[in-house]
N, C-alpha and C. Protein backbone atom coordinates (compact mmCIF):
# COMPACT_ATOMS: atom_id res chain seq x y z
N MET A 1 12.09 -19.66 -5.67
CA MET A 1 11.06 -18.79 -5.59
C MET A 1 11.84 -17.48 -6.34
N LEU A 2 12.36 -16.88 -5.58
CA LEU A 2 12.84 -15.34 -5.49
C LEU A 2 13.17 -15.44 -7.06
N ALA A 3 14.60 -16.45 -7.53
CA ALA A 3 14.30 -16.33 -8.87
C ALA A 3 13.70 -16.06 -9.42
N LEU A 4 12.30 -17.24 -9.26
CA LEU A 4 11.05 -16.88 -10.09
C LEU A 4 10.46 -15.12 -10.47
N LEU A 5 10.50 -15.16 -8.64
CA LEU A 5 10.06 -13.47 -8.88
C LEU A 5 10.69 -11.86 -9.61
N ALA A 6 11.97 -12.16 -9.04
CA ALA A 6 12.94 -11.27 -9.87
C ALA A 6 12.80 -11.26 -11.15
N LEU A 7 12.88 -12.46 -12.32
CA LEU A 7 12.43 -12.35 -13.21
C LEU A 7 11.02 -11.84 -13.85
N GLY A 8 10.54 -11.72 -12.55
CA GLY A 8 8.62 -11.48 -12.54
C GLY A 8 8.61 -10.20 -12.48
N LEU A 9 9.64 -9.01 -12.21
CA LEU A 9 9.74 -8.22 -12.02
C LEU A 9 10.64 -7.15 -13.87
N LEU A 10 8.96 -6.71 -14.55
CA LEU A 10 9.70 -5.40 -15.18
C LEU A 10 8.96 -5.02 -15.53
N MET A 11 9.65 -4.07 -15.80
CA MET A 11 8.90 -1.98 -15.87
C MET A 11 8.11 -1.62 -17.39
N THR A 12 7.32 -0.94 -17.53
CA THR A 12 6.55 -0.61 -18.25
C THR A 12 6.27 0.18 -18.13
N SER A 13 5.91 1.69 -19.42
CA SER A 13 5.48 2.35 -18.99
C SER A 13 4.74 2.97 -17.95
N CYS A 14 4.30 4.35 -18.08
CA CYS A 14 3.91 5.25 -16.88
C CYS A 14 2.48 5.19 -16.85
N THR A 15 1.87 5.25 -15.67
CA THR A 15 0.86 5.29 -15.47
C THR A 15 0.17 6.30 -14.96
N ALA A 16 -1.65 6.36 -15.14
CA ALA A 16 -2.14 8.03 -14.69
C ALA A 16 -1.95 8.13 -13.53
N GLY A 17 -1.49 9.08 -12.92
CA GLY A 17 -1.44 9.27 -11.27
C GLY A 17 -0.17 9.79 -10.53
N ALA A 18 0.07 10.07 -10.14
CA ALA A 18 2.00 9.51 -8.79
C ALA A 18 2.61 8.93 -8.99
N ALA A 19 2.31 6.86 -9.52
CA ALA A 19 3.05 6.56 -9.74
C ALA A 19 3.02 6.20 -10.70
N THR A 20 4.60 5.17 -11.43
CA THR A 20 4.84 4.39 -12.51
C THR A 20 4.22 2.84 -12.02
N ALA A 21 4.13 2.12 -13.21
CA ALA A 21 3.54 0.99 -12.71
C ALA A 21 5.04 -0.14 -13.04
N ARG A 22 4.76 -1.17 -12.68
CA ARG A 22 5.57 -2.48 -12.65
C ARG A 22 5.24 -3.55 -12.33
N THR A 23 5.21 -5.07 -13.19
CA THR A 23 4.41 -5.86 -13.39
C THR A 23 5.70 -7.22 -12.43
N ALA A 24 4.76 -7.29 -11.35
CA ALA A 24 4.90 -8.00 -10.45
C ALA A 24 4.26 -9.62 -10.69
N ALA A 25 4.94 -10.56 -11.17
CA ALA A 25 4.42 -11.86 -11.68
C ALA A 25 4.66 -13.07 -9.91
N THR A 26 3.70 -13.22 -9.53
CA THR A 26 3.39 -14.64 -8.54
C THR A 26 2.46 -15.68 -9.25
N ALA A 27 2.58 -16.47 -8.39
CA ALA A 27 1.88 -17.69 -8.20
C ALA A 27 0.16 -17.17 -8.58
N GLY A 28 -0.34 -17.27 -9.67
CA GLY A 28 -1.67 -17.21 -9.60
C GLY A 28 -2.28 -17.61 -9.35
N GLY A 29 -3.70 -18.33 -10.90
CA GLY A 29 -4.61 -19.11 -10.56
C GLY A 29 -4.51 -20.21 -10.05
N ALA A 30 -5.58 -21.31 -10.45
CA ALA A 30 -5.79 -22.23 -10.07
C ALA A 30 -4.58 -23.37 -11.15
N SER A 31 -4.10 -22.93 -12.26
CA SER A 31 -3.22 -23.70 -12.89
C SER A 31 -1.68 -23.22 -12.24
N GLY A 32 -1.59 -22.58 -11.48
CA GLY A 32 -0.57 -22.22 -11.02
C GLY A 32 0.60 -21.06 -11.51
N SER A 33 0.16 -20.80 -13.11
CA SER A 33 0.80 -19.82 -13.48
C SER A 33 0.73 -18.55 -13.01
N PRO A 34 1.91 -17.59 -13.45
CA PRO A 34 2.03 -15.92 -13.00
C PRO A 34 1.03 -15.87 -13.33
N SER A 35 0.43 -14.91 -12.36
CA SER A 35 -0.36 -13.77 -12.91
C SER A 35 0.01 -12.34 -12.22
N PRO A 36 -0.22 -11.27 -13.86
CA PRO A 36 0.92 -10.19 -13.83
C PRO A 36 -0.10 -9.25 -12.48
N CYS A 37 0.58 -8.26 -12.29
CA CYS A 37 -0.09 -7.18 -11.23
C CYS A 37 0.79 -6.29 -11.12
N PRO A 38 -0.07 -5.23 -12.09
CA PRO A 38 0.99 -4.06 -11.95
C PRO A 38 1.24 -3.20 -10.89
N VAL A 39 2.06 -3.28 -10.42
CA VAL A 39 2.57 -2.84 -8.68
C VAL A 39 2.69 -0.94 -9.19
N SER A 40 2.68 -0.92 -8.12
CA SER A 40 3.24 0.91 -8.05
C SER A 40 4.58 1.47 -7.63
N THR A 41 4.84 1.77 -8.02
CA THR A 41 6.76 2.32 -8.09
C THR A 41 6.25 3.76 -7.67
N PRO A 42 7.08 3.92 -7.12
CA PRO A 42 8.02 5.48 -6.59
C PRO A 42 7.75 6.39 -7.19
N SER A 43 7.23 7.72 -7.87
CA SER A 43 7.72 9.08 -8.76
C SER A 43 7.45 10.50 -8.00
N GLY A 44 8.39 11.11 -8.16
CA GLY A 44 8.25 12.14 -7.39
C GLY A 44 8.71 12.59 -5.95
N PRO A 45 8.42 13.70 -5.76
CA PRO A 45 9.35 14.29 -4.51
C PRO A 45 8.55 13.25 -3.40
N PRO A 46 9.95 13.65 -2.57
CA PRO A 46 9.58 13.02 -1.01
C PRO A 46 8.28 14.34 -0.25
N ALA A 47 7.89 13.36 0.40
CA ALA A 47 6.54 13.82 1.49
C ALA A 47 7.30 15.07 2.05
N PRO A 48 6.90 16.04 2.22
CA PRO A 48 7.00 17.59 2.83
C PRO A 48 7.19 16.64 5.06
N ARG A 49 8.37 17.51 4.63
CA ARG A 49 8.14 17.27 6.86
C ARG A 49 7.08 17.39 7.55
N VAL A 50 6.23 18.29 7.12
CA VAL A 50 5.15 18.75 7.75
C VAL A 50 4.24 17.11 8.20
N ALA A 51 4.24 16.03 7.01
CA ALA A 51 3.19 15.17 6.45
C ALA A 51 3.89 13.97 7.07
N ARG A 52 5.36 14.53 7.49
CA ARG A 52 6.22 13.45 8.47
C ARG A 52 6.43 13.06 9.72
N LEU A 53 5.36 14.47 10.16
CA LEU A 53 6.24 14.53 11.41
C LEU A 53 4.97 13.63 12.52
N ASN A 54 5.80 12.55 13.72
CA ASN A 54 4.63 12.26 14.83
C ASN A 54 4.87 12.19 15.92
N PHE A 55 3.95 13.32 16.43
CA PHE A 55 4.23 14.08 17.03
C PHE A 55 5.67 14.82 18.07
N GLY A 56 5.36 15.40 16.46
CA GLY A 56 6.94 16.40 16.18
C GLY A 56 8.05 16.13 15.87
N THR A 57 7.95 14.62 15.71
CA THR A 57 9.35 14.15 15.35
C THR A 57 9.33 13.95 14.10
N VAL A 58 10.03 13.73 13.21
CA VAL A 58 10.34 13.45 11.88
C VAL A 58 10.20 11.65 11.60
N VAL A 59 9.55 11.12 10.66
CA VAL A 59 9.96 9.84 10.15
C VAL A 59 9.58 9.89 9.91
N ALA A 60 9.74 8.54 9.20
CA ALA A 60 10.45 7.29 7.32
C ALA A 60 10.77 8.68 6.15
N SER A 61 11.26 7.55 5.59
CA SER A 61 12.72 8.40 4.99
C SER A 61 12.16 9.16 3.55
N THR A 62 13.18 9.46 3.07
CA THR A 62 13.15 10.35 1.66
C THR A 62 12.94 9.44 0.83
N ARG A 63 12.55 8.50 0.89
CA ARG A 63 12.75 8.06 -0.98
C ARG A 63 10.88 6.85 -0.77
N ASP A 64 11.37 6.67 -1.96
CA ASP A 64 9.75 5.39 -2.04
C ASP A 64 8.37 6.38 -2.23
N TRP A 65 7.90 7.21 -2.19
CA TRP A 65 6.88 8.35 -2.62
C TRP A 65 5.89 8.17 -3.24
N VAL A 66 4.98 7.80 -3.13
CA VAL A 66 3.52 8.21 -3.62
C VAL A 66 2.48 9.43 -3.16
N HIS A 67 1.74 10.62 -3.91
CA HIS A 67 1.16 11.28 -3.20
C HIS A 67 0.10 11.65 -4.08
N ALA A 68 -1.46 12.09 -3.43
CA ALA A 68 -2.02 12.98 -4.44
C ALA A 68 -2.49 14.09 -3.06
N GLY A 69 -2.13 15.27 -3.54
CA GLY A 69 -2.84 16.47 -3.44
C GLY A 69 -1.85 16.22 -2.00
N GLY A 70 -2.31 16.27 -0.70
CA GLY A 70 -2.17 16.08 0.65
C GLY A 70 -1.68 15.39 1.45
N LEU A 71 -1.62 14.21 0.46
CA LEU A 71 -1.86 12.38 1.31
C LEU A 71 -0.89 12.13 0.59
N TRP A 72 0.11 11.28 1.54
CA TRP A 72 1.46 10.35 0.70
C TRP A 72 1.91 8.96 1.62
N ALA A 73 2.43 8.40 0.84
CA ALA A 73 2.49 7.05 1.72
C ALA A 73 3.45 6.67 0.97
N GLN A 74 4.08 5.77 1.39
CA GLN A 74 5.51 4.93 0.85
C GLN A 74 5.17 3.69 0.91
N VAL A 75 5.76 3.77 -0.78
CA VAL A 75 5.25 2.19 -1.47
C VAL A 75 5.91 1.34 -0.71
N PRO A 76 5.75 -0.36 -1.18
CA PRO A 76 5.97 -1.15 -0.57
C PRO A 76 7.08 -1.65 -1.68
N HIS A 77 8.75 -1.96 -0.58
CA HIS A 77 9.53 -1.76 -2.05
C HIS A 77 9.37 -3.06 -2.93
N GLY A 78 9.08 -2.86 -4.44
CA GLY A 78 9.71 -4.01 -5.20
C GLY A 78 7.28 -3.74 -5.66
N GLY A 79 6.62 -3.46 -4.39
CA GLY A 79 5.60 -3.21 -4.83
C GLY A 79 4.50 -4.37 -4.23
N ILE A 80 5.47 -5.46 -3.22
CA ILE A 80 5.23 -6.74 -2.67
C ILE A 80 5.01 -5.93 -1.10
N LEU A 81 3.54 -6.17 -0.41
CA LEU A 81 3.55 -6.03 0.83
C LEU A 81 3.49 -7.28 1.38
N GLY A 82 4.18 -7.75 2.20
CA GLY A 82 4.30 -8.61 3.07
C GLY A 82 3.02 -8.28 4.13
N ALA A 83 2.38 -9.41 4.79
CA ALA A 83 0.57 -9.78 6.01
C ALA A 83 1.53 -11.05 6.46
N LEU A 84 1.06 -10.43 7.86
CA LEU A 84 0.92 -12.13 8.17
C LEU A 84 -0.46 -11.83 8.18
N ARG A 85 -0.76 -13.60 8.07
CA ARG A 85 -2.15 -14.54 8.55
C ARG A 85 -2.61 -14.51 9.83
N ASN A 86 -4.32 -13.58 9.99
CA ASN A 86 -4.06 -14.37 11.38
C ASN A 86 -5.21 -15.75 11.85
N SER A 87 -4.54 -16.33 12.56
CA SER A 87 -4.72 -18.18 12.36
C SER A 87 -6.83 -17.89 12.53
N ARG A 88 -6.97 -17.08 13.31
CA ARG A 88 -8.27 -16.93 14.35
C ARG A 88 -9.85 -16.72 12.75
N THR A 89 -8.98 -15.24 11.79
CA THR A 89 -10.14 -14.25 11.12
C THR A 89 -9.41 -15.17 9.97
N HIS A 90 -8.24 -15.68 9.21
CA HIS A 90 -7.63 -16.47 8.50
C HIS A 90 -6.95 -14.80 7.07
N PHE A 91 -7.28 -13.65 7.54
CA PHE A 91 -7.21 -12.95 6.92
C PHE A 91 -5.63 -12.10 6.97
N LEU A 92 -4.98 -12.04 6.34
CA LEU A 92 -3.77 -11.34 6.08
C LEU A 92 -4.01 -10.17 6.51
N GLU A 93 -3.19 -9.59 6.97
CA GLU A 93 -3.03 -8.57 8.74
C GLU A 93 -1.86 -7.61 8.41
N THR A 94 -1.88 -6.71 8.13
CA THR A 94 -0.30 -5.90 8.36
C THR A 94 -1.11 -3.85 8.29
N LYS A 95 0.18 -3.87 9.38
CA LYS A 95 0.61 -1.98 9.43
C LYS A 95 1.21 -1.34 8.35
N PHE A 96 0.39 -0.17 8.22
CA PHE A 96 0.34 0.50 7.11
C PHE A 96 0.60 2.30 7.37
N GLY A 97 1.61 3.00 7.66
CA GLY A 97 1.28 4.54 7.30
C GLY A 97 0.91 5.36 6.59
N TRP A 98 0.06 6.50 6.30
CA TRP A 98 -0.55 7.04 5.96
C TRP A 98 0.31 8.56 6.46
N PHE A 99 0.51 9.39 5.31
CA PHE A 99 0.91 11.09 5.79
C PHE A 99 0.91 11.96 5.29
N ARG A 100 -0.06 13.50 6.20
CA ARG A 100 -0.90 14.26 5.76
C ARG A 100 -0.45 15.54 5.81
N GLN A 101 -0.38 16.25 4.62
CA GLN A 101 0.02 17.22 4.89
C GLN A 101 -1.19 18.23 4.94
N ASN A 102 -2.36 17.80 4.57
CA ASN A 102 -3.73 18.19 5.27
C ASN A 102 -4.27 18.05 6.24
N PRO A 103 -4.48 18.99 6.70
CA PRO A 103 -5.92 18.29 7.86
C PRO A 103 -7.08 17.53 8.05
N GLY A 104 -6.98 16.48 8.52
CA GLY A 104 -8.20 15.46 8.29
C GLY A 104 -8.12 14.45 8.62
N GLN A 105 -9.06 13.52 8.27
CA GLN A 105 -9.52 12.10 9.29
C GLN A 105 -8.65 11.29 6.83
N VAL A 106 -8.06 10.00 7.75
CA VAL A 106 -8.29 9.35 6.21
C VAL A 106 -9.13 8.64 6.15
N TYR A 107 -9.28 7.55 5.70
CA TYR A 107 -10.23 6.27 5.20
C TYR A 107 -9.17 5.79 4.25
N VAL A 108 -9.47 4.17 4.51
CA VAL A 108 -9.31 3.58 3.40
C VAL A 108 -9.54 1.96 2.88
N THR A 109 -9.76 1.89 1.34
CA THR A 109 -10.39 0.57 0.96
C THR A 109 -9.38 0.13 0.40
N ALA A 110 -10.19 -1.03 -0.29
CA ALA A 110 -9.27 -1.71 -0.92
C ALA A 110 -9.62 -2.82 -2.03
N GLU A 111 -9.40 -2.78 -3.16
CA GLU A 111 -10.18 -3.30 -4.39
C GLU A 111 -8.94 -4.25 -4.83
N LEU A 112 -10.02 -5.90 -4.70
CA LEU A 112 -8.84 -6.73 -5.41
C LEU A 112 -8.89 -6.61 -7.08
N LEU A 113 -7.75 -6.72 -7.46
CA LEU A 113 -7.65 -7.27 -8.89
C LEU A 113 -7.61 -8.13 -9.95
N ASP A 114 -7.58 -8.98 -8.98
CA ASP A 114 -7.11 -10.37 -9.50
C ASP A 114 -8.48 -11.15 -9.30
N PRO A 115 -8.94 -12.29 -9.95
CA PRO A 115 -10.69 -12.68 -10.36
C PRO A 115 -11.41 -12.63 -8.82
N GLY A 116 -12.16 -12.83 -8.48
CA GLY A 116 -13.01 -12.51 -7.31
C GLY A 116 -13.19 -11.48 -6.77
N SER A 117 -14.07 -11.38 -5.43
CA SER A 117 -14.50 -10.43 -4.52
C SER A 117 -13.90 -10.64 -2.83
N PRO A 118 -12.55 -11.30 -2.69
CA PRO A 118 -12.64 -11.19 -0.75
C PRO A 118 -13.29 -9.70 -0.82
N SER A 119 -12.97 -9.85 0.51
CA SER A 119 -13.43 -8.75 1.53
C SER A 119 -11.56 -8.28 1.81
N PHE A 120 -12.54 -6.92 2.64
CA PHE A 120 -11.04 -5.84 3.07
C PHE A 120 -11.97 -5.03 4.35
N HIS A 121 -10.79 -4.71 5.21
CA HIS A 121 -11.41 -4.04 6.21
C HIS A 121 -9.92 -3.50 6.52
N SER A 122 -10.57 -1.92 7.22
CA SER A 122 -9.05 -1.19 7.94
C SER A 122 -9.22 -0.66 8.96
N GLN A 123 -8.31 -0.58 9.56
CA GLN A 123 -8.67 0.46 11.18
C GLN A 123 -7.50 2.19 10.89
N VAL A 124 -8.15 2.92 10.50
CA VAL A 124 -7.60 3.75 10.82
C VAL A 124 -6.57 4.81 11.68
N GLY A 125 -6.46 5.36 12.41
CA GLY A 125 -6.07 6.13 13.77
C GLY A 125 -6.40 7.53 13.49
N THR A 126 -7.19 7.68 14.52
CA THR A 126 -7.98 8.94 14.44
C THR A 126 -7.30 10.81 14.67
N VAL A 127 -8.24 11.35 13.69
CA VAL A 127 -7.08 13.16 14.79
C VAL A 127 -7.15 13.48 15.50
N PRO A 128 -8.24 12.71 17.06
CA PRO A 128 -7.92 13.11 18.32
C PRO A 128 -7.05 12.14 18.79
N GLU A 129 -6.41 11.21 18.00
CA GLU A 129 -5.59 10.44 18.55
C GLU A 129 -3.92 10.75 17.91
N TYR A 130 -3.91 11.02 16.69
CA TYR A 130 -2.77 11.25 15.93
C TYR A 130 -3.16 13.20 15.75
N GLY A 131 -3.81 13.68 15.95
CA GLY A 131 -3.79 14.91 15.67
C GLY A 131 -4.11 15.47 14.19
N PRO A 132 -4.11 16.49 13.63
CA PRO A 132 -4.63 16.56 12.13
C PRO A 132 -4.14 16.43 11.24
N THR A 133 -2.57 16.74 11.30
CA THR A 133 -1.39 16.56 10.21
C THR A 133 -0.62 15.40 10.70
N GLY A 134 0.29 15.54 9.59
CA GLY A 134 1.52 13.94 9.68
C GLY A 134 1.54 12.99 10.24
N PHE A 135 1.57 11.51 10.64
CA PHE A 135 1.89 10.36 9.72
C PHE A 135 0.60 9.86 10.49
N VAL A 136 0.14 8.69 10.44
CA VAL A 136 -0.86 8.50 11.05
C VAL A 136 -1.04 6.53 10.27
N PRO A 137 -1.14 6.28 11.34
CA PRO A 137 -0.89 4.15 11.21
C PRO A 137 -2.77 3.94 10.58
N SER A 138 -2.22 2.78 9.96
CA SER A 138 -3.42 2.30 9.89
C SER A 138 -3.40 0.10 10.02
N GLY A 139 -4.70 -0.02 10.06
CA GLY A 139 -3.92 -1.53 9.92
C GLY A 139 -4.78 -2.03 8.84
N LEU A 140 -4.17 -3.13 7.91
CA LEU A 140 -4.97 -3.31 7.12
C LEU A 140 -5.09 -4.46 6.69
N GLU A 141 -6.70 -5.48 6.35
CA GLU A 141 -6.76 -6.28 6.28
C GLU A 141 -7.44 -7.14 5.08
N PHE A 142 -6.95 -8.02 4.63
CA PHE A 142 -6.94 -8.71 3.31
C PHE A 142 -7.69 -10.15 3.50
N ALA A 143 -8.91 -10.52 2.82
CA ALA A 143 -9.13 -11.52 3.21
C ALA A 143 -8.43 -12.74 2.02
N ARG A 144 -7.49 -12.69 1.11
CA ARG A 144 -6.57 -13.43 0.50
C ARG A 144 -5.27 -12.34 0.06
N GLY A 145 -4.05 -13.02 -0.44
CA GLY A 145 -3.17 -12.21 -1.42
C GLY A 145 -3.92 -12.04 -2.67
N GLY A 146 -2.74 -11.38 -3.22
CA GLY A 146 -3.15 -11.65 -4.52
C GLY A 146 -2.82 -9.51 -4.94
N CYS A 147 -3.58 -9.33 -6.64
CA CYS A 147 -3.09 -8.23 -6.48
C CYS A 147 -4.41 -7.46 -6.24
N TRP A 148 -3.92 -6.00 -5.84
CA TRP A 148 -5.28 -4.92 -4.34
C TRP A 148 -4.41 -3.84 -4.81
N ARG A 149 -5.28 -2.83 -4.78
CA ARG A 149 -5.59 -1.28 -5.65
C ARG A 149 -6.01 -0.88 -4.03
N VAL A 150 -5.11 -0.35 -3.54
CA VAL A 150 -5.44 0.27 -1.91
C VAL A 150 -5.42 1.51 -2.65
N SER A 151 -6.47 2.46 -1.58
CA SER A 151 -7.12 3.86 -1.95
C SER A 151 -7.18 4.34 -0.05
N GLY A 152 -6.34 5.34 -0.29
CA GLY A 152 -6.11 6.64 0.94
C GLY A 152 -7.15 7.26 0.63
N ILE A 153 -8.14 7.71 1.28
CA ILE A 153 -8.42 9.25 0.65
C ILE A 153 -8.54 10.11 2.27
N LEU A 154 -8.33 11.72 1.77
CA LEU A 154 -8.45 12.28 3.09
C LEU A 154 -8.66 13.94 2.18
N GLY A 155 -10.29 13.87 2.57
CA GLY A 155 -10.86 15.19 2.63
C GLY A 155 -11.09 14.87 0.64
N ASP A 156 -10.90 16.01 0.06
CA ASP A 156 -11.23 15.73 -1.42
C ASP A 156 -9.69 14.63 -2.60
N ASP A 157 -8.68 14.19 -1.85
CA ASP A 157 -7.30 14.18 -2.38
C ASP A 157 -7.46 12.59 -1.98
N HIS A 158 -7.74 11.59 -3.09
CA HIS A 158 -7.25 10.62 -3.27
C HIS A 158 -6.22 9.39 -3.98
N LEU A 159 -5.55 9.32 -2.66
CA LEU A 159 -4.27 8.46 -3.43
C LEU A 159 -4.52 7.10 -3.51
N ALA A 160 -3.82 6.28 -4.71
CA ALA A 160 -4.25 4.84 -5.03
C ALA A 160 -2.80 4.47 -5.76
N PHE A 161 -2.73 3.18 -5.51
CA PHE A 161 -2.00 2.66 -5.46
C PHE A 161 -2.28 0.90 -5.66
N ILE A 162 -0.68 0.13 -6.47
CA ILE A 162 -0.94 -1.58 -6.59
C ILE A 162 -0.17 -1.99 -5.82
N VAL A 163 -0.57 -2.98 -4.97
CA VAL A 163 0.35 -3.51 -4.78
C VAL A 163 0.00 -5.26 -4.54
N ARG A 164 1.39 -5.98 -4.32
CA ARG A 164 0.91 -7.63 -4.18
C ARG A 164 1.12 -8.11 -2.82
N VAL A 165 -0.26 -7.81 -2.91
CA VAL A 165 -0.50 -8.76 -1.23
C VAL A 165 0.29 -10.76 -1.27
N THR A 166 1.10 -10.51 -0.30
CA THR A 166 1.98 -11.72 0.37
C THR A 166 2.24 -12.41 1.63
N VAL A 167 1.76 -13.59 1.63
CA VAL A 167 1.95 -13.90 3.15
C VAL A 167 3.40 -13.52 3.36
N GLN A 168 3.76 -13.40 4.91
CA GLN A 168 5.09 -13.21 4.99
C GLN A 168 5.01 -14.27 6.35
N ARG A 169 6.10 -14.83 6.25
CA ARG A 169 6.12 -15.89 7.50
C ARG A 169 7.06 -15.37 8.52
N LEU A 170 7.05 -15.35 9.64
CA LEU A 170 7.82 -14.98 10.29
C LEU A 170 9.59 -16.05 10.90
N PRO A 171 10.15 -15.61 10.88
CA PRO A 171 11.42 -16.34 11.49
C PRO A 171 11.53 -17.54 12.32
């Protein structure tokens, strides 16, 4: 399976915005044939120090960043976002960090790029909890795996990137 995934990763041309695209092929439709997902890859400089602060401590590495204006995020390695299945809701859940250079509340939405229209939910830390700038965590809940466009919004800044959401199994 890993060999199939490795063969499915192809470099493609640059897309609009701060990220470039790579195609991840994983098991897709009813036929089980691979469906392409143009996952985002990092491009551009790392987030500035003020965006990587969490209660005065610098967090996160200096690589794998995408950004729009004052909102930054680290793209998961290979564009694959692992998530755990909630046994009660059956949603795929993961935590994801956002990094604010500009002050304000982050809001998160996501859209499935594969056929279908399953739902998505998010919970994002608030300004009173985490301060006006720097790191803020979010909980992302996807109705199913697949190719998703995740969007973070901070004021007028809209950061969107594409990931392949997959079920992550604990050892």
